[in-house]
Amino acid sequence: MQLLSRTSFGVVIWTILAGAAPAQENAAAPLCLDQLAHMSWDELEQLYRQSEPGRIQEGYARGRAIYCPDERFAGPRSKITHLLWHGKHFNACESMLINQWCGVRAIKAQVSYGPSWLDGKPSIIMDYRETSHVWRDVRDEIREVAPGVFLGIMFQERCTGPKLKMYFALETKPACE
């Protein structure tokens, strides 16, 4: 009878452990720039909508532009942008950022929290209207989708309303291994 109790106990433990294993396997892996760059726009939008703004860290964040794969020349545009644009430098004291381009820092934006143009929920807003002649009609917004990883949307302001131009990702943690 005691052997049966031990066997029953073993079966119960095995069932619990076996049932828990798939949940661990299915747990979302930490996201990084490369993983976000390979997601569809529908997946990116869903991820953005379910994320919170988070808190951007002071200093440099590596960046990756993510163009719509269905648009003409999306592949070459992504490769060229990846060669030229490398990320953003954040300065919390001044509530500003400056973009990092191929060895040069250029194009500043004011940084604040505000409502998203996509869904009205809180986001970190990067507004170029007062700081850039080139991107005067551009507004970026980001949300933290994983620790140290932010998904962003670049909007272009038009007379008919904002137009989503592209997604981008920023990473303040070490790159994927």
N, C-alpha and C. Protein backbone atom coordinates (compact mmCIF):
# COMPACT_ATOMS: atom_id res chain seq x y z
N MET A 1 0.83 -1.20 0.00
CA MET A 1 0.00 0.00 0.00
C MET A 1 0.87 1.25 0.00
N GLN A 2 1.97 1.23 0.74
CA GLN A 2 2.85 2.39 0.77
C GLN A 2 3.49 2.61 -0.60
N LEU A 3 3.81 1.51 -1.33
CA LEU A 3 4.37 1.62 -2.68
C LEU A 3 3.37 2.31 -3.59
N LEU A 4 2.12 1.97 -3.45
CA LEU A 4 1.08 2.61 -4.25
C LEU A 4 1.01 4.10 -3.95
N SER A 5 1.14 4.47 -2.69
CA SER A 5 1.12 5.89 -2.31
C SER A 5 2.29 6.63 -2.94
N ARG A 6 3.48 6.02 -2.90
CA ARG A 6 4.64 6.65 -3.51
C ARG A 6 4.47 6.76 -5.01
N THR A 7 3.90 5.73 -5.62
CA THR A 7 3.69 5.73 -7.06
C THR A 7 2.66 6.80 -7.43
N SER A 8 1.58 6.86 -6.67
CA SER A 8 0.56 7.88 -6.93
C SER A 8 1.15 9.27 -6.77
N PHE A 9 1.95 9.44 -5.70
CA PHE A 9 2.62 10.74 -5.47
C PHE A 9 3.52 11.08 -6.65
N GLY A 10 4.28 10.09 -7.12
CA GLY A 10 5.19 10.30 -8.27
C GLY A 10 4.42 10.68 -9.53
N VAL A 11 3.28 10.02 -9.75
CA VAL A 11 2.46 10.34 -10.93
C VAL A 11 1.93 11.76 -10.84
N VAL A 12 1.48 12.16 -9.66
CA VAL A 12 0.97 13.51 -9.47
C VAL A 12 2.07 14.54 -9.72
N ILE A 13 3.26 14.31 -9.13
CA ILE A 13 4.38 15.23 -9.33
C ILE A 13 4.75 15.28 -10.82
N TRP A 14 4.86 14.12 -11.46
CA TRP A 14 5.21 14.06 -12.88
C TRP A 14 4.18 14.83 -13.72
N THR A 15 2.91 14.67 -13.42
CA THR A 15 1.85 15.35 -14.16
C THR A 15 1.97 16.86 -13.99
N ILE A 16 2.25 17.29 -12.76
CA ILE A 16 2.39 18.73 -12.52
C ILE A 16 3.59 19.28 -13.28
N LEU A 17 4.72 18.59 -13.17
CA LEU A 17 5.93 19.06 -13.86
C LEU A 17 5.78 19.01 -15.37
N ALA A 18 5.19 17.96 -15.88
CA ALA A 18 5.01 17.84 -17.32
C ALA A 18 4.05 18.90 -17.82
N GLY A 19 3.03 19.19 -17.03
CA GLY A 19 2.09 20.24 -17.43
C GLY A 19 2.71 21.62 -17.40
N ALA A 20 3.67 21.84 -16.51
CA ALA A 20 4.31 23.15 -16.40
C ALA A 20 5.35 23.38 -17.47
N ALA A 21 5.95 22.31 -17.98
CA ALA A 21 7.04 22.46 -18.95
C ALA A 21 6.63 23.18 -20.22
N PRO A 22 5.49 22.82 -20.85
CA PRO A 22 5.14 23.53 -22.08
C PRO A 22 4.93 25.02 -21.86
N ALA A 23 4.42 25.42 -20.69
CA ALA A 23 4.21 26.85 -20.44
C ALA A 23 5.54 27.59 -20.46
N GLN A 24 6.59 26.96 -19.93
CA GLN A 24 7.90 27.59 -19.95
C GLN A 24 8.45 27.67 -21.36
N GLU A 25 8.23 26.60 -22.14
CA GLU A 25 8.71 26.60 -23.53
C GLU A 25 8.00 27.65 -24.36
N ASN A 26 6.71 27.87 -24.08
CA ASN A 26 5.93 28.81 -24.86
C ASN A 26 6.07 30.25 -24.38
N ALA A 27 6.74 30.45 -23.26
CA ALA A 27 6.91 31.81 -22.75
C ALA A 27 7.66 32.64 -23.79
N ALA A 28 7.24 33.88 -23.93
CA ALA A 28 7.84 34.74 -24.94
C ALA A 28 9.32 34.97 -24.64
N ALA A 29 10.13 34.76 -25.65
CA ALA A 29 11.56 35.03 -25.52
C ALA A 29 11.76 36.54 -25.48
N PRO A 30 12.80 37.00 -24.81
CA PRO A 30 13.06 38.45 -24.81
C PRO A 30 13.22 38.95 -26.25
N LEU A 31 12.60 40.07 -26.53
CA LEU A 31 12.66 40.63 -27.87
C LEU A 31 13.91 41.47 -28.06
N CYS A 32 14.39 41.54 -29.30
CA CYS A 32 15.51 42.40 -29.64
C CYS A 32 15.23 43.00 -31.02
N LEU A 33 16.12 43.87 -31.48
CA LEU A 33 15.91 44.57 -32.75
C LEU A 33 15.70 43.60 -33.91
N ASP A 34 16.52 42.58 -33.99
CA ASP A 34 16.40 41.63 -35.12
C ASP A 34 15.06 40.92 -35.12
N GLN A 35 14.59 40.52 -33.94
CA GLN A 35 13.30 39.84 -33.86
C GLN A 35 12.16 40.76 -34.28
N LEU A 36 12.19 42.00 -33.82
CA LEU A 36 11.14 42.96 -34.19
C LEU A 36 11.17 43.24 -35.69
N ALA A 37 12.36 43.31 -36.27
CA ALA A 37 12.50 43.61 -37.70
C ALA A 37 11.90 42.51 -38.58
N HIS A 38 11.75 41.32 -38.04
CA HIS A 38 11.20 40.21 -38.83
C HIS A 38 9.72 39.95 -38.57
N MET A 39 9.09 40.80 -37.77
CA MET A 39 7.67 40.65 -37.50
C MET A 39 6.85 41.38 -38.58
N SER A 40 5.62 40.91 -38.81
CA SER A 40 4.73 41.58 -39.75
C SER A 40 4.22 42.88 -39.13
N TRP A 41 3.70 43.77 -39.96
CA TRP A 41 3.16 45.03 -39.43
C TRP A 41 1.97 44.77 -38.53
N ASP A 42 1.16 43.76 -38.84
CA ASP A 42 0.03 43.43 -37.96
C ASP A 42 0.52 42.98 -36.58
N GLU A 43 1.59 42.18 -36.55
CA GLU A 43 2.15 41.73 -35.28
C GLU A 43 2.74 42.91 -34.51
N LEU A 44 3.42 43.82 -35.22
CA LEU A 44 4.00 44.99 -34.57
C LEU A 44 2.91 45.88 -33.97
N GLU A 45 1.84 46.09 -34.73
CA GLU A 45 0.75 46.92 -34.22
C GLU A 45 0.12 46.29 -32.97
N GLN A 46 -0.11 45.00 -33.00
CA GLN A 46 -0.69 44.32 -31.84
C GLN A 46 0.24 44.43 -30.64
N LEU A 47 1.53 44.22 -30.85
CA LEU A 47 2.50 44.33 -29.77
C LEU A 47 2.54 45.75 -29.21
N TYR A 48 2.50 46.75 -30.09
CA TYR A 48 2.51 48.14 -29.65
C TYR A 48 1.27 48.46 -28.82
N ARG A 49 0.11 48.04 -29.29
CA ARG A 49 -1.14 48.34 -28.60
C ARG A 49 -1.20 47.73 -27.20
N GLN A 50 -0.56 46.59 -26.99
CA GLN A 50 -0.64 45.93 -25.68
C GLN A 50 0.50 46.33 -24.74
N SER A 51 1.38 47.24 -25.18
CA SER A 51 2.53 47.63 -24.37
C SER A 51 2.31 48.96 -23.66
N GLU A 52 3.10 49.18 -22.62
CA GLU A 52 3.09 50.42 -21.84
C GLU A 52 4.27 51.28 -22.29
N PRO A 53 4.25 52.58 -21.98
CA PRO A 53 5.34 53.45 -22.43
C PRO A 53 6.70 53.08 -21.84
N GLY A 54 6.72 52.63 -20.60
CA GLY A 54 8.00 52.34 -19.97
C GLY A 54 8.76 53.62 -19.65
N ARG A 55 10.03 53.47 -19.38
CA ARG A 55 10.88 54.62 -19.04
C ARG A 55 12.15 54.53 -19.86
N ILE A 56 12.38 55.50 -20.68
CA ILE A 56 13.57 55.50 -21.52
C ILE A 56 14.79 55.81 -20.65
N GLN A 57 15.87 55.15 -20.95
CA GLN A 57 17.10 55.38 -20.20
C GLN A 57 17.88 56.53 -20.81
N GLU A 58 18.61 57.21 -19.97
CA GLU A 58 19.52 58.27 -20.40
C GLU A 58 20.60 57.64 -21.28
N GLY A 59 20.96 58.33 -22.35
CA GLY A 59 22.07 57.86 -23.18
C GLY A 59 21.62 57.30 -24.52
N TYR A 60 22.45 56.43 -25.06
CA TYR A 60 22.28 55.93 -26.42
C TYR A 60 21.38 54.70 -26.48
N ALA A 61 20.51 54.66 -27.49
CA ALA A 61 19.68 53.50 -27.80
C ALA A 61 19.91 53.12 -29.26
N ARG A 62 20.37 51.89 -29.48
CA ARG A 62 20.55 51.41 -30.85
C ARG A 62 19.20 51.36 -31.55
N GLY A 63 19.18 51.64 -32.85
CA GLY A 63 17.91 51.68 -33.57
C GLY A 63 17.89 50.84 -34.82
N ARG A 64 16.68 50.49 -35.25
CA ARG A 64 16.48 49.75 -36.49
C ARG A 64 15.16 50.20 -37.10
N ALA A 65 15.21 50.66 -38.34
CA ALA A 65 13.99 51.05 -39.06
C ALA A 65 13.30 49.79 -39.57
N ILE A 66 11.96 49.80 -39.54
CA ILE A 66 11.18 48.66 -40.00
C ILE A 66 10.13 49.16 -40.99
N TYR A 67 10.41 48.99 -42.27
CA TYR A 67 9.48 49.42 -43.31
C TYR A 67 8.45 48.33 -43.59
N CYS A 68 7.31 48.73 -44.11
CA CYS A 68 6.25 47.78 -44.45
C CYS A 68 6.77 46.85 -45.54
N PRO A 69 6.77 45.54 -45.30
CA PRO A 69 7.30 44.61 -46.29
C PRO A 69 6.51 44.59 -47.59
N ASP A 70 5.26 45.07 -47.56
CA ASP A 70 4.43 45.08 -48.76
C ASP A 70 4.68 46.29 -49.65
N GLU A 71 5.41 47.29 -49.14
CA GLU A 71 5.67 48.50 -49.93
C GLU A 71 6.80 48.28 -50.92
N ARG A 72 6.74 49.02 -51.98
CA ARG A 72 7.76 48.95 -53.02
C ARG A 72 9.12 49.38 -52.45
N PHE A 73 10.14 48.65 -52.77
CA PHE A 73 11.52 48.93 -52.35
C PHE A 73 11.73 48.85 -50.85
N ALA A 74 10.88 48.12 -50.12
CA ALA A 74 11.03 48.03 -48.67
C ALA A 74 12.38 47.42 -48.28
N GLY A 75 12.80 46.38 -48.97
CA GLY A 75 14.08 45.73 -48.66
C GLY A 75 15.27 46.66 -48.82
N PRO A 76 15.44 47.27 -50.00
CA PRO A 76 16.56 48.19 -50.17
C PRO A 76 16.48 49.40 -49.22
N ARG A 77 15.28 49.93 -48.98
CA ARG A 77 15.14 51.06 -48.05
C ARG A 77 15.60 50.69 -46.65
N SER A 78 15.23 49.49 -46.20
CA SER A 78 15.64 49.03 -44.88
C SER A 78 17.16 48.92 -44.78
N LYS A 79 17.78 48.36 -45.82
CA LYS A 79 19.23 48.19 -45.81
C LYS A 79 19.95 49.53 -45.82
N ILE A 80 19.49 50.45 -46.63
CA ILE A 80 20.12 51.78 -46.70
C ILE A 80 19.94 52.52 -45.38
N THR A 81 18.73 52.49 -44.84
CA THR A 81 18.47 53.17 -43.57
C THR A 81 19.32 52.56 -42.46
N HIS A 82 19.47 51.24 -42.48
CA HIS A 82 20.28 50.56 -41.46
C HIS A 82 21.74 51.01 -41.54
N LEU A 83 22.22 51.27 -42.73
CA LEU A 83 23.60 51.76 -42.88
C LEU A 83 23.75 53.20 -42.40
N LEU A 84 22.70 54.01 -42.57
CA LEU A 84 22.80 55.44 -42.27
C LEU A 84 22.36 55.81 -40.86
N TRP A 85 21.22 55.31 -40.43
CA TRP A 85 20.66 55.68 -39.12
C TRP A 85 20.98 54.59 -38.11
N HIS A 86 21.53 54.97 -36.95
CA HIS A 86 21.98 53.98 -35.99
C HIS A 86 21.21 54.01 -34.67
N GLY A 87 20.46 55.08 -34.39
CA GLY A 87 19.70 55.13 -33.15
C GLY A 87 19.50 56.54 -32.66
N LYS A 88 19.28 56.67 -31.35
CA LYS A 88 18.97 57.97 -30.74
C LYS A 88 19.72 58.11 -29.42
N HIS A 89 20.15 59.33 -29.14
CA HIS A 89 20.77 59.68 -27.86
C HIS A 89 19.74 60.46 -27.07
N PHE A 90 19.40 59.99 -25.86
CA PHE A 90 18.41 60.63 -25.02
C PHE A 90 19.08 61.43 -23.92
N ASN A 91 18.56 62.65 -23.70
CA ASN A 91 19.04 63.54 -22.64
C ASN A 91 17.83 63.89 -21.77
N ALA A 92 17.69 63.19 -20.64
CA ALA A 92 16.53 63.36 -19.77
C ALA A 92 16.47 64.75 -19.15
N CYS A 93 17.64 65.32 -18.82
CA CYS A 93 17.67 66.65 -18.18
C CYS A 93 17.04 67.72 -19.06
N GLU A 94 17.24 67.61 -20.36
CA GLU A 94 16.71 68.59 -21.30
C GLU A 94 15.43 68.12 -22.00
N SER A 95 14.97 66.89 -21.70
CA SER A 95 13.81 66.29 -22.37
C SER A 95 13.98 66.36 -23.89
N MET A 96 15.16 65.97 -24.34
CA MET A 96 15.49 66.02 -25.78
C MET A 96 16.15 64.71 -26.20
N LEU A 97 16.18 64.51 -27.50
CA LEU A 97 16.96 63.44 -28.10
C LEU A 97 17.61 64.00 -29.35
N ILE A 98 18.63 63.30 -29.80
CA ILE A 98 19.25 63.62 -31.08
C ILE A 98 19.55 62.30 -31.77
N ASN A 99 19.24 62.23 -33.05
CA ASN A 99 19.44 61.00 -33.81
C ASN A 99 20.91 60.79 -34.13
N GLN A 100 21.32 59.52 -34.14
CA GLN A 100 22.69 59.15 -34.48
C GLN A 100 22.70 58.63 -35.92
N TRP A 101 23.38 59.35 -36.76
CA TRP A 101 23.54 58.98 -38.16
C TRP A 101 25.00 58.64 -38.39
N CYS A 102 25.30 57.68 -39.12
CA CYS A 102 26.63 57.30 -39.62
C CYS A 102 27.76 58.22 -39.11
N GLY A 103 28.02 58.21 -37.82
CA GLY A 103 29.10 59.00 -37.25
C GLY A 103 28.75 60.44 -36.92
N VAL A 104 27.52 60.86 -37.17
CA VAL A 104 27.11 62.24 -36.94
C VAL A 104 25.81 62.26 -36.13
N ARG A 105 25.73 63.17 -35.18
CA ARG A 105 24.48 63.37 -34.44
C ARG A 105 23.74 64.54 -35.10
N ALA A 106 22.50 64.32 -35.47
CA ALA A 106 21.71 65.36 -36.13
C ALA A 106 20.22 65.08 -35.95
N ILE A 107 19.42 66.09 -36.07
CA ILE A 107 17.96 66.08 -36.02
C ILE A 107 17.47 65.80 -34.59
N LYS A 108 17.21 66.90 -33.88
CA LYS A 108 16.76 66.85 -32.49
C LYS A 108 15.23 66.74 -32.41
N ALA A 109 14.78 66.25 -31.26
CA ALA A 109 13.34 66.19 -30.97
C ALA A 109 13.12 66.43 -29.49
N GLN A 110 11.96 67.00 -29.16
CA GLN A 110 11.53 67.14 -27.77
C GLN A 110 10.90 65.82 -27.35
N VAL A 111 11.18 65.38 -26.12
CA VAL A 111 10.69 64.10 -25.62
C VAL A 111 9.76 64.35 -24.43
N SER A 112 8.60 63.71 -24.45
CA SER A 112 7.64 63.83 -23.35
C SER A 112 6.69 62.63 -23.39
N TYR A 113 5.89 62.51 -22.36
CA TYR A 113 4.82 61.50 -22.36
C TYR A 113 3.56 62.15 -22.90
N GLY A 114 2.77 61.38 -23.65
CA GLY A 114 1.52 61.90 -24.18
C GLY A 114 0.72 60.80 -24.83
N PRO A 115 -0.48 61.15 -25.33
CA PRO A 115 -1.33 60.14 -25.96
C PRO A 115 -0.82 59.75 -27.35
N SER A 116 -0.93 58.48 -27.64
CA SER A 116 -0.54 57.95 -28.95
C SER A 116 -1.51 58.39 -30.03
N TRP A 117 -1.00 58.66 -31.21
CA TRP A 117 -1.87 58.94 -32.35
C TRP A 117 -2.48 57.64 -32.88
N LEU A 118 -1.94 56.50 -32.50
CA LEU A 118 -2.48 55.22 -32.95
C LEU A 118 -3.72 54.83 -32.16
N ASP A 119 -3.63 54.88 -30.81
CA ASP A 119 -4.74 54.38 -30.00
C ASP A 119 -5.11 55.27 -28.81
N GLY A 120 -4.45 56.43 -28.66
CA GLY A 120 -4.77 57.36 -27.59
C GLY A 120 -4.21 56.99 -26.23
N LYS A 121 -3.56 55.85 -26.11
CA LYS A 121 -2.99 55.41 -24.84
C LYS A 121 -1.63 56.10 -24.61
N PRO A 122 -1.15 56.11 -23.36
CA PRO A 122 0.12 56.78 -23.07
C PRO A 122 1.30 56.20 -23.85
N SER A 123 2.17 57.08 -24.32
CA SER A 123 3.37 56.73 -25.07
C SER A 123 4.45 57.75 -24.76
N ILE A 124 5.67 57.41 -25.10
CA ILE A 124 6.75 58.39 -25.06
C ILE A 124 6.76 59.05 -26.43
N ILE A 125 6.57 60.37 -26.45
CA ILE A 125 6.44 61.13 -27.70
C ILE A 125 7.75 61.84 -28.01
N MET A 126 8.15 61.78 -29.29
CA MET A 126 9.33 62.48 -29.78
C MET A 126 8.87 63.42 -30.88
N ASP A 127 8.79 64.69 -30.56
CA ASP A 127 8.19 65.69 -31.45
C ASP A 127 9.28 66.55 -32.10
N TYR A 128 9.31 66.56 -33.41
CA TYR A 128 10.33 67.29 -34.18
C TYR A 128 9.85 68.66 -34.66
N ARG A 129 8.60 69.01 -34.41
CA ARG A 129 8.02 70.24 -34.98
C ARG A 129 8.78 71.51 -34.64
N GLU A 130 9.24 71.62 -33.40
CA GLU A 130 9.93 72.84 -32.97
C GLU A 130 11.45 72.76 -33.07
N THR A 131 11.98 71.61 -33.44
CA THR A 131 13.43 71.42 -33.38
C THR A 131 14.08 71.09 -34.71
N SER A 132 13.28 70.83 -35.76
CA SER A 132 13.85 70.40 -37.03
C SER A 132 13.10 71.00 -38.21
N HIS A 133 13.86 71.53 -39.15
CA HIS A 133 13.24 72.01 -40.39
C HIS A 133 12.97 70.84 -41.33
N VAL A 134 13.88 69.86 -41.32
CA VAL A 134 13.76 68.70 -42.21
C VAL A 134 12.59 67.82 -41.81
N TRP A 135 12.42 67.57 -40.52
CA TRP A 135 11.37 66.67 -40.04
C TRP A 135 10.29 67.43 -39.27
N ARG A 136 10.01 68.64 -39.69
CA ARG A 136 9.01 69.46 -39.01
C ARG A 136 7.63 68.79 -38.97
N ASP A 137 7.35 67.92 -39.92
CA ASP A 137 6.04 67.26 -40.00
C ASP A 137 6.08 65.83 -39.44
N VAL A 138 7.13 65.49 -38.66
CA VAL A 138 7.29 64.13 -38.15
C VAL A 138 7.11 64.10 -36.64
N ARG A 139 6.48 63.03 -36.19
CA ARG A 139 6.35 62.75 -34.76
C ARG A 139 6.55 61.26 -34.57
N ASP A 140 7.46 60.90 -33.67
CA ASP A 140 7.68 59.50 -33.31
C ASP A 140 7.04 59.26 -31.95
N GLU A 141 6.68 58.02 -31.71
CA GLU A 141 6.22 57.62 -30.38
C GLU A 141 6.69 56.20 -30.14
N ILE A 142 7.00 55.88 -28.88
CA ILE A 142 7.51 54.56 -28.55
C ILE A 142 6.83 54.02 -27.30
N ARG A 143 6.88 52.67 -27.19
CA ARG A 143 6.45 51.96 -25.99
C ARG A 143 7.45 50.82 -25.75
N GLU A 144 7.62 50.49 -24.49
CA GLU A 144 8.56 49.43 -24.13
C GLU A 144 7.87 48.07 -24.28
N VAL A 145 8.40 47.23 -25.17
CA VAL A 145 7.80 45.93 -25.46
C VAL A 145 8.51 44.78 -24.73
N ALA A 146 9.68 45.05 -24.21
CA ALA A 146 10.46 44.11 -23.40
C ALA A 146 11.46 44.97 -22.62
N PRO A 147 12.03 44.46 -21.56
CA PRO A 147 12.98 45.29 -20.80
C PRO A 147 14.10 45.85 -21.70
N GLY A 148 14.16 47.18 -21.78
CA GLY A 148 15.19 47.83 -22.58
C GLY A 148 14.95 47.82 -24.07
N VAL A 149 13.79 47.34 -24.53
CA VAL A 149 13.47 47.28 -25.96
C VAL A 149 12.18 48.06 -26.20
N PHE A 150 12.26 49.03 -27.12
CA PHE A 150 11.14 49.91 -27.41
C PHE A 150 10.73 49.76 -28.87
N LEU A 151 9.43 49.68 -29.09
CA LEU A 151 8.88 49.68 -30.45
C LEU A 151 8.32 51.06 -30.71
N GLY A 152 8.68 51.63 -31.85
CA GLY A 152 8.24 52.98 -32.17
C GLY A 152 7.48 53.05 -33.47
N ILE A 153 6.73 54.13 -33.60
CA ILE A 153 5.99 54.43 -34.83
C ILE A 153 6.39 55.84 -35.26
N MET A 154 6.71 55.98 -36.53
CA MET A 154 6.97 57.30 -37.10
C MET A 154 5.71 57.73 -37.86
N PHE A 155 5.17 58.86 -37.44
CA PHE A 155 4.01 59.44 -38.12
C PHE A 155 4.46 60.67 -38.89
N GLN A 156 3.83 60.89 -40.03
CA GLN A 156 4.01 62.14 -40.76
C GLN A 156 2.68 62.88 -40.69
N GLU A 157 2.76 64.12 -40.24
CA GLU A 157 1.54 64.93 -40.10
C GLU A 157 1.15 65.47 -41.47
N ARG A 158 -0.09 65.23 -41.83
CA ARG A 158 -0.62 65.70 -43.11
C ARG A 158 -1.88 66.50 -42.84
N CYS A 159 -2.35 67.25 -43.85
CA CYS A 159 -3.57 68.04 -43.65
C CYS A 159 -4.78 67.13 -43.41
N THR A 160 -4.72 65.89 -43.88
CA THR A 160 -5.82 64.94 -43.67
C THR A 160 -5.69 64.17 -42.37
N GLY A 161 -4.60 64.42 -41.63
CA GLY A 161 -4.35 63.71 -40.38
C GLY A 161 -3.04 62.96 -40.43
N PRO A 162 -2.62 62.40 -39.30
CA PRO A 162 -1.34 61.70 -39.26
C PRO A 162 -1.35 60.43 -40.10
N LYS A 163 -0.21 60.17 -40.74
CA LYS A 163 -0.05 58.96 -41.55
C LYS A 163 1.11 58.15 -40.98
N LEU A 164 0.86 56.88 -40.70
CA LEU A 164 1.90 56.00 -40.21
C LEU A 164 2.90 55.75 -41.35
N LYS A 165 4.14 56.17 -41.16
CA LYS A 165 5.16 56.03 -42.21
C LYS A 165 5.96 54.74 -42.05
N MET A 166 6.31 54.40 -40.81
CA MET A 166 7.10 53.19 -40.58
C MET A 166 7.17 52.89 -39.10
N TYR A 167 7.56 51.68 -38.79
CA TYR A 167 7.89 51.31 -37.42
C TYR A 167 9.40 51.39 -37.27
N PHE A 168 9.85 51.46 -36.02
CA PHE A 168 11.27 51.36 -35.73
C PHE A 168 11.41 50.77 -34.34
N ALA A 169 12.60 50.29 -34.04
CA ALA A 169 12.86 49.71 -32.74
C ALA A 169 14.10 50.34 -32.14
N LEU A 170 14.10 50.48 -30.83
CA LEU A 170 15.25 51.00 -30.07
C LEU A 170 15.59 49.99 -28.99
N GLU A 171 16.88 49.84 -28.75
CA GLU A 171 17.33 48.86 -27.77
C GLU A 171 18.40 49.48 -26.88
N THR A 172 18.13 49.48 -25.57
CA THR A 172 19.09 50.03 -24.61
C THR A 172 19.81 48.93 -23.84
N LYS A 173 19.50 47.69 -24.15
CA LYS A 173 20.14 46.54 -23.48
C LYS A 173 21.14 45.90 -24.44
N PRO A 174 21.94 44.94 -23.97
CA PRO A 174 22.86 44.26 -24.89
C PRO A 174 22.11 43.57 -26.04
N ALA A 175 22.73 43.49 -27.19
CA ALA A 175 22.12 42.90 -28.38
C ALA A 175 21.83 41.42 -28.15
N CYS A 176 20.92 40.86 -28.98
CA CYS A 176 20.59 39.44 -28.92
C CYS A 176 21.84 38.61 -29.14
N GLU A 177 21.88 37.49 -28.47
CA GLU A 177 23.04 36.60 -28.65
C GLU A 177 22.70 35.50 -29.61
